[in-house]
Amino acid sequence: MQAVIRELQDTLTVMVEIERRQSSTLPEHRERIKAIEQETAEHYLRSAKYQERTDQNLAEITDKLNGLIGYVATGSSRPSSHPEITMRATLPWPASSPPAPDRPIP
């Protein structure tokens, strides 16, 4: 009978120690959870700012591209300072008929 009582006491002592350790980690876990939640909120805020800036840049690029498409589609004859566009006027062949692939470009 004494052996059973002693075994129960040992088991109870172990259980109390486990409970104590578990209880001591709860505040640490709560602090970690708060820190993670704060970091997550900051991350979402930064992501929203970057997304807003990306959307604005995309809208500007789209507007510029649409303007360029409109400019090219209307065949505007306004002179350009862009070298590739002004270079077309100096080609030794008409722009509508480039040289054949087997003919070397002078």
PDB file of N, CA and C in Angstrom:
ATOM      1  N   MET A   1       0.829  -1.175   0.000  1.00  0.00           N
ATOM      2  CA  MET A   1       0.000   0.000   0.000  1.00  0.00           C
ATOM      3  C   MET A   1       0.883   1.251   0.000  1.00  0.00           C
ATOM      4  N   GLN A   2       1.967   1.234   0.772  1.00  0.00           N
ATOM      5  CA  GLN A   2       2.890   2.363   0.842  1.00  0.00           C
ATOM      6  C   GLN A   2       3.527   2.611  -0.538  1.00  0.00           C
ATOM      7  N   ALA A   3       3.792   1.564  -1.263  1.00  0.00           N
ATOM      8  CA  ALA A   3       4.412   1.694  -2.588  1.00  0.00           C
ATOM      9  C   ALA A   3       3.450   2.390  -3.554  1.00  0.00           C
ATOM     10  N   VAL A   4       2.182   2.067  -3.453  1.00  0.00           N
ATOM     11  CA  VAL A   4       1.179   2.680  -4.328  1.00  0.00           C
ATOM     12  C   VAL A   4       1.038   4.164  -3.990  1.00  0.00           C
ATOM     13  N   ILE A   5       1.010   4.478  -2.702  1.00  0.00           N
ATOM     14  CA  ILE A   5       0.901   5.874  -2.275  1.00  0.00           C
ATOM     15  C   ILE A   5       2.131   6.648  -2.754  1.00  0.00           C
ATOM     16  N   ARG A   6       3.302   6.066  -2.609  1.00  0.00           N
ATOM     17  CA  ARG A   6       4.539   6.714  -3.040  1.00  0.00           C
ATOM     18  C   ARG A   6       4.530   6.932  -4.551  1.00  0.00           C
ATOM     19  N   GLU A   7       4.051   5.986  -5.317  1.00  0.00           N
ATOM     20  CA  GLU A   7       3.973   6.108  -6.777  1.00  0.00           C
ATOM     21  C   GLU A   7       2.991   7.205  -7.179  1.00  0.00           C
ATOM     22  N   LEU A   8       1.863   7.279  -6.479  1.00  0.00           N
ATOM     23  CA  LEU A   8       0.885   8.337  -6.727  1.00  0.00           C
ATOM     24  C   LEU A   8       1.474   9.713  -6.419  1.00  0.00           C
ATOM     25  N   GLN A   9       2.233   9.810  -5.329  1.00  0.00           N
ATOM     26  CA  GLN A   9       2.871  11.071  -4.961  1.00  0.00           C
ATOM     27  C   GLN A   9       3.892  11.495  -6.022  1.00  0.00           C
ATOM     28  N   ASP A  10       4.672  10.540  -6.489  1.00  0.00           N
ATOM     29  CA  ASP A  10       5.655  10.836  -7.537  1.00  0.00           C
ATOM     30  C   ASP A  10       4.957  11.295  -8.826  1.00  0.00           C
ATOM     31  N   THR A  11       3.891  10.620  -9.174  1.00  0.00           N
ATOM     32  CA  THR A  11       3.127  10.987 -10.370  1.00  0.00           C
ATOM     33  C   THR A  11       2.539  12.383 -10.223  1.00  0.00           C
ATOM     34  N   LEU A  12       1.999  12.669  -9.054  1.00  0.00           N
ATOM     35  CA  LEU A  12       1.436  13.986  -8.790  1.00  0.00           C
ATOM     36  C   LEU A  12       2.517  15.067  -8.836  1.00  0.00           C
ATOM     37  N   THR A  13       3.681  14.772  -8.307  1.00  0.00           N
ATOM     38  CA  THR A  13       4.797  15.722  -8.338  1.00  0.00           C
ATOM     39  C   THR A  13       5.200  16.024  -9.787  1.00  0.00           C
ATOM     40  N   VAL A  14       5.266  14.989 -10.612  1.00  0.00           N
ATOM     41  CA  VAL A  14       5.614  15.159 -12.023  1.00  0.00           C
ATOM     42  C   VAL A  14       4.546  15.995 -12.727  1.00  0.00           C
ATOM     43  N   MET A  15       3.287  15.716 -12.437  1.00  0.00           N
ATOM     44  CA  MET A  15       2.187  16.454 -13.059  1.00  0.00           C
ATOM     45  C   MET A  15       2.207  17.925 -12.648  1.00  0.00           C
ATOM     46  N   VAL A  16       2.514  18.208 -11.394  1.00  0.00           N
ATOM     47  CA  VAL A  16       2.588  19.589 -10.918  1.00  0.00           C
ATOM     48  C   VAL A  16       3.733  20.321 -11.625  1.00  0.00           C
ATOM     49  N   GLU A  17       4.854  19.653 -11.778  1.00  0.00           N
ATOM     50  CA  GLU A  17       5.991  20.269 -12.473  1.00  0.00           C
ATOM     51  C   GLU A  17       5.653  20.547 -13.951  1.00  0.00           C
ATOM     52  N   ILE A  18       4.989  19.604 -14.590  1.00  0.00           N
ATOM     53  CA  ILE A  18       4.568  19.814 -15.992  1.00  0.00           C
ATOM     54  C   ILE A  18       3.619  21.005 -16.080  1.00  0.00           C
ATOM     55  N   GLU A  19       2.661  21.071 -15.175  1.00  0.00           N
ATOM     56  CA  GLU A  19       1.715  22.191 -15.147  1.00  0.00           C
ATOM     57  C   GLU A  19       2.443  23.521 -14.933  1.00  0.00           C
ATOM     58  N   ARG A  20       3.408  23.529 -14.048  1.00  0.00           N
ATOM     59  CA  ARG A  20       4.164  24.751 -13.779  1.00  0.00           C
ATOM     60  C   ARG A  20       4.915  25.209 -15.023  1.00  0.00           C
ATOM     61  N   ARG A  21       5.560  24.290 -15.715  1.00  0.00           N
ATOM     62  CA  ARG A  21       6.304  24.636 -16.928  1.00  0.00           C
ATOM     63  C   ARG A  21       5.359  25.146 -18.022  1.00  0.00           C
ATOM     64  N   GLN A  22       4.231  24.479 -18.164  1.00  0.00           N
ATOM     65  CA  GLN A  22       3.260  24.907 -19.169  1.00  0.00           C
ATOM     66  C   GLN A  22       2.725  26.301 -18.855  1.00  0.00           C
ATOM     67  N   SER A  23       2.452  26.552 -17.590  1.00  0.00           N
ATOM     68  CA  SER A  23       1.934  27.861 -17.179  1.00  0.00           C
ATOM     69  C   SER A  23       2.961  28.957 -17.394  1.00  0.00           C
ATOM     70  N   SER A  24       4.226  28.644 -17.197  1.00  0.00           N
ATOM     71  CA  SER A  24       5.261  29.667 -17.369  1.00  0.00           C
ATOM     72  C   SER A  24       5.475  30.009 -18.841  1.00  0.00           C
ATOM     73  N   THR A  25       5.159  29.102 -19.753  1.00  0.00           N
ATOM     74  CA  THR A  25       5.347  29.396 -21.175  1.00  0.00           C
ATOM     75  C   THR A  25       4.175  30.159 -21.779  1.00  0.00           C
ATOM     76  N   LEU A  26       3.025  30.160 -21.143  1.00  0.00           N
ATOM     77  CA  LEU A  26       1.873  30.869 -21.695  1.00  0.00           C
ATOM     78  C   LEU A  26       2.120  32.362 -21.893  1.00  0.00           C
ATOM     79  N   PRO A  27       2.662  33.072 -20.918  1.00  0.00           N
ATOM     80  CA  PRO A  27       2.934  34.502 -21.154  1.00  0.00           C
ATOM     81  C   PRO A  27       3.924  34.725 -22.303  1.00  0.00           C
ATOM     82  N   GLU A  28       4.919  33.869 -22.403  1.00  0.00           N
ATOM     83  CA  GLU A  28       5.881  33.978 -23.505  1.00  0.00           C
ATOM     84  C   GLU A  28       5.179  33.791 -24.844  1.00  0.00           C
ATOM     85  N   HIS A  29       4.301  32.807 -24.912  1.00  0.00           N
ATOM     86  CA  HIS A  29       3.563  32.553 -26.150  1.00  0.00           C
ATOM     87  C   HIS A  29       2.641  33.726 -26.487  1.00  0.00           C
ATOM     88  N   ARG A  30       2.016  34.279 -25.482  1.00  0.00           N
ATOM     89  CA  ARG A  30       1.142  35.437 -25.719  1.00  0.00           C
ATOM     90  C   ARG A  30       1.942  36.607 -26.288  1.00  0.00           C
ATOM     91  N   GLU A  31       3.121  36.834 -25.743  1.00  0.00           N
ATOM     92  CA  GLU A  31       3.967  37.920 -26.240  1.00  0.00           C
ATOM     93  C   GLU A  31       4.410  37.654 -27.682  1.00  0.00           C
ATOM     94  N   ARG A  32       4.762  36.409 -27.963  1.00  0.00           N
ATOM     95  CA  ARG A  32       5.157  36.062 -29.327  1.00  0.00           C
ATOM     96  C   ARG A  32       4.006  36.247 -30.296  1.00  0.00           C
ATOM     97  N   ILE A  33       2.821  35.863 -29.887  1.00  0.00           N
ATOM     98  CA  ILE A  33       1.647  36.020 -30.748  1.00  0.00           C
ATOM     99  C   ILE A  33       1.380  37.500 -31.008  1.00  0.00           C
ATOM    100  N   LYS A  34       1.483  38.333 -29.973  1.00  0.00           N
ATOM    101  CA  LYS A  34       1.292  39.775 -30.150  1.00  0.00           C
ATOM    102  C   LYS A  34       2.327  40.335 -31.124  1.00  0.00           C
ATOM    103  N   ALA A  35       3.572  39.918 -30.974  1.00  0.00           N
ATOM    104  CA  ALA A  35       4.633  40.409 -31.859  1.00  0.00           C
ATOM    105  C   ALA A  35       4.384  39.980 -33.302  1.00  0.00           C
ATOM    106  N   ILE A  36       3.968  38.753 -33.483  1.00  0.00           N
ATOM    107  CA  ILE A  36       3.686  38.253 -34.836  1.00  0.00           C
ATOM    108  C   ILE A  36       2.505  38.998 -35.446  1.00  0.00           C
ATOM    109  N   GLU A  37       1.465  39.239 -34.655  1.00  0.00           N
ATOM    110  CA  GLU A  37       0.310  39.987 -35.151  1.00  0.00           C
ATOM    111  C   GLU A  37       0.716  41.408 -35.545  1.00  0.00           C
ATOM    112  N   GLN A  38       1.577  42.036 -34.754  1.00  0.00           N
ATOM    113  CA  GLN A  38       2.047  43.386 -35.065  1.00  0.00           C
ATOM    114  C   GLN A  38       2.853  43.384 -36.357  1.00  0.00           C
ATOM    115  N   GLU A  39       3.762  42.424 -36.503  1.00  0.00           N
ATOM    116  CA  GLU A  39       4.567  42.331 -37.711  1.00  0.00           C
ATOM    117  C   GLU A  39       3.686  42.085 -38.931  1.00  0.00           C
ATOM    118  N   THR A  40       2.665  41.255 -38.776  1.00  0.00           N
ATOM    119  CA  THR A  40       1.752  40.966 -39.877  1.00  0.00           C
ATOM    120  C   THR A  40       0.995  42.217 -40.287  1.00  0.00           C
ATOM    121  N   ALA A  41       0.515  42.983 -39.314  1.00  0.00           N
ATOM    122  CA  ALA A  41      -0.204  44.223 -39.611  1.00  0.00           C
ATOM    123  C   ALA A  41       0.709  45.206 -40.345  1.00  0.00           C
ATOM    124  N   GLU A  42       1.948  45.340 -39.898  1.00  0.00           N
ATOM    125  CA  GLU A  42       2.906  46.228 -40.563  1.00  0.00           C
ATOM    126  C   GLU A  42       3.197  45.752 -41.985  1.00  0.00           C
ATOM    127  N   HIS A  43       3.310  44.434 -42.138  1.00  0.00           N
ATOM    128  CA  HIS A  43       3.555  43.877 -43.469  1.00  0.00           C
ATOM    129  C   HIS A  43       2.398  44.193 -44.407  1.00  0.00           C
ATOM    130  N   TYR A  44       1.170  44.012 -43.945  1.00  0.00           N
ATOM    131  CA  TYR A  44       0.003  44.321 -44.771  1.00  0.00           C
ATOM    132  C   TYR A  44      -0.037  45.800 -45.136  1.00  0.00           C
ATOM    133  N   LEU A  45       0.336  46.665 -44.226  1.00  0.00           N
ATOM    134  CA  LEU A  45       0.360  48.097 -44.497  1.00  0.00           C
ATOM    135  C   LEU A  45       1.398  48.422 -45.570  1.00  0.00           C
ATOM    136  N   ARG A  46       2.601  47.844 -45.424  1.00  0.00           N
ATOM    137  CA  ARG A  46       3.638  48.061 -46.439  1.00  0.00           C
ATOM    138  C   ARG A  46       3.208  47.497 -47.789  1.00  0.00           C
ATOM    139  N   SER A  47       2.590  46.326 -47.774  1.00  0.00           N
ATOM    140  CA  SER A  47       2.137  45.718 -49.020  1.00  0.00           C
ATOM    141  C   SER A  47       1.088  46.581 -49.700  1.00  0.00           C
ATOM    142  N   ALA A  48       0.198  47.152 -48.925  1.00  0.00           N
ATOM    143  CA  ALA A  48      -0.835  48.022 -49.496  1.00  0.00           C
ATOM    144  C   ALA A  48      -0.200  49.258 -50.131  1.00  0.00           C
ATOM    145  N   LYS A  49       0.811  49.829 -49.484  1.00  0.00           N
ATOM    146  CA  LYS A  49       1.500  50.988 -50.052  1.00  0.00           C
ATOM    147  C   LYS A  49       2.186  50.613 -51.362  1.00  0.00           C
ATOM    148  N   TYR A  50       2.892  49.477 -51.379  1.00  0.00           N
ATOM    149  CA  TYR A  50       3.570  49.044 -52.595  1.00  0.00           C
ATOM    150  C   TYR A  50       2.563  48.742 -53.697  1.00  0.00           C
ATOM    151  N   GLN A  51       1.452  48.126 -53.343  1.00  0.00           N
ATOM    152  CA  GLN A  51       0.430  47.812 -54.339  1.00  0.00           C
ATOM    153  C   GLN A  51      -0.157  49.091 -54.919  1.00  0.00           C
ATOM    154  N   GLU A  52      -0.382  50.082 -54.069  1.00  0.00           N
ATOM    155  CA  GLU A  52      -0.914  51.362 -54.535  1.00  0.00           C
ATOM    156  C   GLU A  52       0.072  52.026 -55.506  1.00  0.00           C
ATOM    157  N   ARG A  53       1.347  52.013 -55.155  1.00  0.00           N
ATOM    158  CA  ARG A  53       2.363  52.598 -56.021  1.00  0.00           C
ATOM    159  C   ARG A  53       2.483  51.823 -57.339  1.00  0.00           C
ATOM    160  N   THR A  54       2.404  50.500 -57.257  1.00  0.00           N
ATOM    161  CA  THR A  54       2.467  49.673 -58.463  1.00  0.00           C
ATOM    162  C   THR A  54       1.264  49.956 -59.362  1.00  0.00           C
ATOM    163  N   ASP A  55       0.082  50.061 -58.775  1.00  0.00           N
ATOM    164  CA  ASP A  55      -1.112  50.368 -59.559  1.00  0.00           C
ATOM    165  C   ASP A  55      -0.991  51.728 -60.233  1.00  0.00           C
ATOM    166  N   GLN A  56      -0.459  52.716 -59.517  1.00  0.00           N
ATOM    167  CA  GLN A  56      -0.287  54.047 -60.084  1.00  0.00           C
ATOM    168  C   GLN A  56       0.705  54.005 -61.247  1.00  0.00           C
ATOM    169  N   ASN A  57       1.826  53.308 -61.052  1.00  0.00           N
ATOM    170  CA  ASN A  57       2.818  53.184 -62.129  1.00  0.00           C
ATOM    171  C   ASN A  57       2.226  52.474 -63.341  1.00  0.00           C
ATOM    172  N   LEU A  58       1.457  51.425 -63.092  1.00  0.00           N
ATOM    173  CA  LEU A  58       0.836  50.683 -64.187  1.00  0.00           C
ATOM    174  C   LEU A  58      -0.153  51.564 -64.946  1.00  0.00           C
ATOM    175  N   ALA A  59      -0.917  52.374 -64.223  1.00  0.00           N
ATOM    176  CA  ALA A  59      -1.867  53.283 -64.878  1.00  0.00           C
ATOM    177  C   ALA A  59      -1.122  54.301 -65.736  1.00  0.00           C
ATOM    178  N   GLU A  60      -0.007  54.846 -65.226  1.00  0.00           N
ATOM    179  CA  GLU A  60       0.778  55.802 -66.006  1.00  0.00           C
ATOM    180  C   GLU A  60       1.365  55.157 -67.256  1.00  0.00           C
ATOM    181  N   ILE A  61       1.889  53.960 -67.110  1.00  0.00           N
ATOM    182  CA  ILE A  61       2.463  53.242 -68.253  1.00  0.00           C
ATOM    183  C   ILE A  61       1.371  52.953 -69.281  1.00  0.00           C
ATOM    184  N   THR A  62       0.198  52.541 -68.811  1.00  0.00           N
ATOM    185  CA  THR A  62      -0.918  52.255 -69.708  1.00  0.00           C
ATOM    186  C   THR A  62      -1.331  53.503 -70.467  1.00  0.00           C
ATOM    187  N   ASP A  63      -1.423  54.636 -69.780  1.00  0.00           N
ATOM    188  CA  ASP A  63      -1.770  55.891 -70.446  1.00  0.00           C
ATOM    189  C   ASP A  63      -0.735  56.248 -71.515  1.00  0.00           C
ATOM    190  N   LYS A  64       0.538  56.111 -71.183  1.00  0.00           N
ATOM    191  CA  LYS A  64       1.592  56.426 -72.145  1.00  0.00           C
ATOM    192  C   LYS A  64       1.550  55.491 -73.342  1.00  0.00           C
ATOM    193  N   LEU A  65       1.340  54.216 -73.075  1.00  0.00           N
ATOM    194  CA  LEU A  65       1.264  53.238 -74.157  1.00  0.00           C
ATOM    195  C   LEU A  65       0.059  53.506 -75.046  1.00  0.00           C
ATOM    196  N   ASN A  66      -1.081  53.807 -74.448  1.00  0.00           N
ATOM    197  CA  ASN A  66      -2.268  54.131 -75.240  1.00  0.00           C
ATOM    198  C   ASN A  66      -2.040  55.379 -76.080  1.00  0.00           C
ATOM    199  N   GLY A  67      -1.353  56.368 -75.506  1.00  0.00           N
ATOM    200  CA  GLY A  67      -1.027  57.564 -76.272  1.00  0.00           C
ATOM    201  C   GLY A  67      -0.116  57.256 -77.439  1.00  0.00           C
ATOM    202  N   LEU A  68       0.878  56.422 -77.214  1.00  0.00           N
ATOM    203  CA  LEU A  68       1.791  56.032 -78.283  1.00  0.00           C
ATOM    204  C   LEU A  68       1.061  55.254 -79.364  1.00  0.00           C
ATOM    205  N   ILE A  69       0.192  54.348 -78.954  1.00  0.00           N
ATOM    206  CA  ILE A  69      -0.594  53.574 -79.929  1.00  0.00           C
ATOM    207  C   ILE A  69      -1.461  54.519 -80.756  1.00  0.00           C
ATOM    208  N   GLY A  70      -2.095  55.476 -80.101  1.00  0.00           N
ATOM    209  CA  GLY A  70      -2.912  56.444 -80.826  1.00  0.00           C
ATOM    210  C   GLY A  70      -2.092  57.276 -81.779  1.00  0.00           C
ATOM    211  N   TYR A  71      -0.917  57.683 -81.343  1.00  0.00           N
ATOM    212  CA  TYR A  71      -0.018  58.479 -82.177  1.00  0.00           C
ATOM    213  C   TYR A  71       0.385  57.696 -83.427  1.00  0.00           C
ATOM    214  N   VAL A  72       0.761  56.439 -83.231  1.00  0.00           N
ATOM    215  CA  VAL A  72       1.185  55.610 -84.355  1.00  0.00           C
ATOM    216  C   VAL A  72      -0.004  55.281 -85.251  1.00  0.00           C
ATOM    217  N   ALA A  73      -1.159  55.028 -84.666  1.00  0.00           N
ATOM    218  CA  ALA A  73      -2.337  54.651 -85.436  1.00  0.00           C
ATOM    219  C   ALA A  73      -2.832  55.793 -86.316  1.00  0.00           C
ATOM    220  N   THR A  74      -2.684  57.024 -85.881  1.00  0.00           N
ATOM    221  CA  THR A  74      -3.135  58.163 -86.688  1.00  0.00           C
ATOM    222  C   THR A  74      -2.112  58.531 -87.747  1.00  0.00           C
ATOM    223  N   GLY A  75      -0.929  57.987 -87.685  1.00  0.00           N
ATOM    224  CA  GLY A  75       0.112  58.261 -88.675  1.00  0.00           C
ATOM    225  C   GLY A  75       0.559  59.701 -88.635  1.00  0.00           C
ATOM    226  N   SER A  76       0.708  60.212 -87.483  1.00  0.00           N
ATOM    227  CA  SER A  76       1.102  61.610 -87.330  1.00  0.00           C
ATOM    228  C   SER A  76       2.406  61.871 -88.059  1.00  0.00           C
ATOM    229  N   SER A  77       2.488  63.039 -88.718  1.00  0.00           N
ATOM    230  CA  SER A  77       3.692  63.370 -89.468  1.00  0.00           C
ATOM    231  C   SER A  77       4.589  64.327 -88.700  1.00  0.00           C
ATOM    232  N   ARG A  78       4.329  64.498 -87.438  1.00  0.00           N
ATOM    233  CA  ARG A  78       5.149  65.371 -86.624  1.00  0.00           C
ATOM    234  C   ARG A  78       6.567  64.808 -86.549  1.00  0.00           C
ATOM    235  N   PRO A  79       7.595  65.614 -86.746  1.00  0.00           N
ATOM    236  CA  PRO A  79       8.960  65.081 -86.692  1.00  0.00           C
ATOM    237  C   PRO A  79       9.292  64.586 -85.287  1.00  0.00           C
ATOM    238  N   SER A  80      10.113  63.581 -85.261  1.00  0.00           N
ATOM    239  CA  SER A  80      10.480  62.974 -83.991  1.00  0.00           C
ATOM    240  C   SER A  80      11.972  63.114 -83.776  1.00  0.00           C
ATOM    241  N   SER A  81      12.356  63.193 -82.519  1.00  0.00           N
ATOM    242  CA  SER A  81      13.778  63.243 -82.209  1.00  0.00           C
ATOM    243  C   SER A  81      14.312  61.862 -81.867  1.00  0.00           C
ATOM    244  N   HIS A  82      13.454  60.871 -81.974  1.00  0.00           N
ATOM    245  CA  HIS A  82      13.872  59.511 -81.643  1.00  0.00           C
ATOM    246  C   HIS A  82      14.684  58.948 -82.804  1.00  0.00           C
ATOM    247  N   PRO A  83      15.926  58.477 -82.604  1.00  0.00           N
ATOM    248  CA  PRO A  83      16.816  58.074 -83.699  1.00  0.00           C
ATOM    249  C   PRO A  83      16.256  56.963 -84.574  1.00  0.00           C
ATOM    250  N   GLU A  84      15.546  55.988 -84.003  1.00  0.00           N
ATOM    251  CA  GLU A  84      15.039  54.889 -84.820  1.00  0.00           C
ATOM    252  C   GLU A  84      13.981  55.380 -85.795  1.00  0.00           C
ATOM    253  N   ILE A  85      13.185  56.351 -85.361  1.00  0.00           N
ATOM    254  CA  ILE A  85      12.108  56.840 -86.221  1.00  0.00           C
ATOM    255  C   ILE A  85      12.683  57.742 -87.314  1.00  0.00           C
ATOM    256  N   THR A  86      13.594  58.643 -86.980  1.00  0.00           N
ATOM    257  CA  THR A  86      14.164  59.545 -87.982  1.00  0.00           C
ATOM    258  C   THR A  86      15.077  58.787 -88.939  1.00  0.00           C
ATOM    259  N   MET A  87      15.593  57.668 -88.527  1.00  0.00           N
ATOM    260  CA  MET A  87      16.480  56.884 -89.366  1.00  0.00           C
ATOM    261  C   MET A  87      15.729  56.323 -90.571  1.00  0.00           C
ATOM    262  N   ARG A  88      14.437  56.086 -90.436  1.00  0.00           N
ATOM    263  CA  ARG A  88      13.663  55.533 -91.541  1.00  0.00           C
ATOM    264  C   ARG A  88      13.721  56.440 -92.767  1.00  0.00           C
ATOM    265  N   ALA A  89      13.797  57.708 -92.568  1.00  0.00           N
ATOM    266  CA  ALA A  89      13.814  58.642 -93.693  1.00  0.00           C
ATOM    267  C   ALA A  89      15.115  58.546 -94.488  1.00  0.00           C
ATOM    268  N   THR A  90      16.163  58.003 -93.919  1.00  0.00           N
ATOM    269  CA  THR A  90      17.456  57.930 -94.603  1.00  0.00           C
ATOM    270  C   THR A  90      17.756  56.561 -95.191  1.00  0.00           C
ATOM    271  N   LEU A  91      16.809  55.648 -95.158  1.00  0.00           N
ATOM    272  CA  LEU A  91      17.043  54.316 -95.714  1.00  0.00           C
ATOM    273  C   LEU A  91      17.189  54.397 -97.234  1.00  0.00           C
ATOM    274  N   PRO A  92      18.038  53.585 -97.835  1.00  0.00           N
ATOM    275  CA  PRO A  92      18.237  53.635 -99.286  1.00  0.00           C
ATOM    276  C   PRO A  92      17.105  52.969-100.067  1.00  0.00           C
ATOM    277  N   TRP A  93      16.079  52.463 -99.419  1.00  0.00           N
ATOM    278  CA  TRP A  93      14.938  51.847-100.076  1.00  0.00           C
ATOM    279  C   TRP A  93      13.660  52.419 -99.461  1.00  0.00           C
ATOM    280  N   PRO A  94      12.563  52.313-100.139  1.00  0.00           N
ATOM    281  CA  PRO A  94      11.311  52.821 -99.569  1.00  0.00           C
ATOM    282  C   PRO A  94      10.939  52.036 -98.319  1.00  0.00           C
ATOM    283  N   ALA A  95      10.344  52.724 -97.368  1.00  0.00           N
ATOM    284  CA  ALA A  95       9.989  52.066 -96.105  1.00  0.00           C
ATOM    285  C   ALA A  95       8.974  50.961 -96.313  1.00  0.00           C
ATOM    286  N   SER A  96       8.165  51.041 -97.367  1.00  0.00           N
ATOM    287  CA  SER A  96       7.153  50.012 -97.607  1.00  0.00           C
ATOM    288  C   SER A  96       7.744  48.749 -98.215  1.00  0.00           C
ATOM    289  N   SER A  97       8.970  48.815 -98.759  1.00  0.00           N
ATOM    290  CA  SER A  97       9.563  47.622 -99.352  1.00  0.00           C
ATOM    291  C   SER A  97      10.998  47.470 -98.887  1.00  0.00           C
ATOM    292  N   PRO A  98      11.237  46.842 -97.767  1.00  0.00           N
ATOM    293  CA  PRO A  98      12.603  46.622 -97.286  1.00  0.00           C
ATOM    294  C   PRO A  98      13.342  45.656 -98.210  1.00  0.00           C
ATOM    295  N   PRO A  99      14.642  45.604 -98.135  1.00  0.00           N
ATOM    296  CA  PRO A  99      15.402  44.713 -99.032  1.00  0.00           C
ATOM    297  C   PRO A  99      15.067  43.253 -98.766  1.00  0.00           C
ATOM    298  N   ALA A 100      15.255  42.466 -99.807  1.00  0.00           N
ATOM    299  CA  ALA A 100      15.040  41.026 -99.675  1.00  0.00           C
ATOM    300  C   ALA A 100      16.031  40.457 -98.686  1.00  0.00           C
ATOM    301  N   PRO A 101      15.699  39.355 -98.002  1.00  0.00           N
ATOM    302  CA  PRO A 101      16.598  38.785 -96.998  1.00  0.00           C
ATOM    303  C   PRO A 101      17.954  38.375 -97.564  1.00  0.00           C
ATOM    304  N   ASP A 102      18.032  37.991 -98.856  1.00  0.00           N
ATOM    305  CA  ASP A 102      19.314  37.562 -99.388  1.00  0.00           C
ATOM    306  C   ASP A 102      20.166  38.739 -99.853  1.00  0.00           C
ATOM    307  N   ARG A 103      19.575  39.926 -99.941  1.00  0.00           N
ATOM    308  CA  ARG A 103      20.319  41.102-100.342  1.00  0.00           C
ATOM    309  C   ARG A 103      20.934  41.780 -99.121  1.00  0.00           C
ATOM    310  N   PRO A 104      22.239  42.028 -99.108  1.00  0.00           N
ATOM    311  CA  PRO A 104      22.852  42.647 -97.933  1.00  0.00           C
ATOM    312  C   PRO A 104      22.406  44.095 -97.770  1.00  0.00           C
ATOM    313  N   ILE A 105      22.313  44.494 -96.533  1.00  0.00           N
ATOM    314  CA  ILE A 105      21.959  45.864 -96.227  1.00  0.00           C
ATOM    315  C   ILE A 105      23.214  46.713 -96.338  1.00  0.00           C
ATOM    316  N   PRO A 106      23.170  47.817 -97.164  1.00  0.00           N
ATOM    317  CA  PRO A 106      24.377  48.635 -97.355  1.00  0.00           C
ATOM    318  C   PRO A 106      24.750  49.403 -96.111  1.00  0.00           C
TER     319      PRO A 106
END
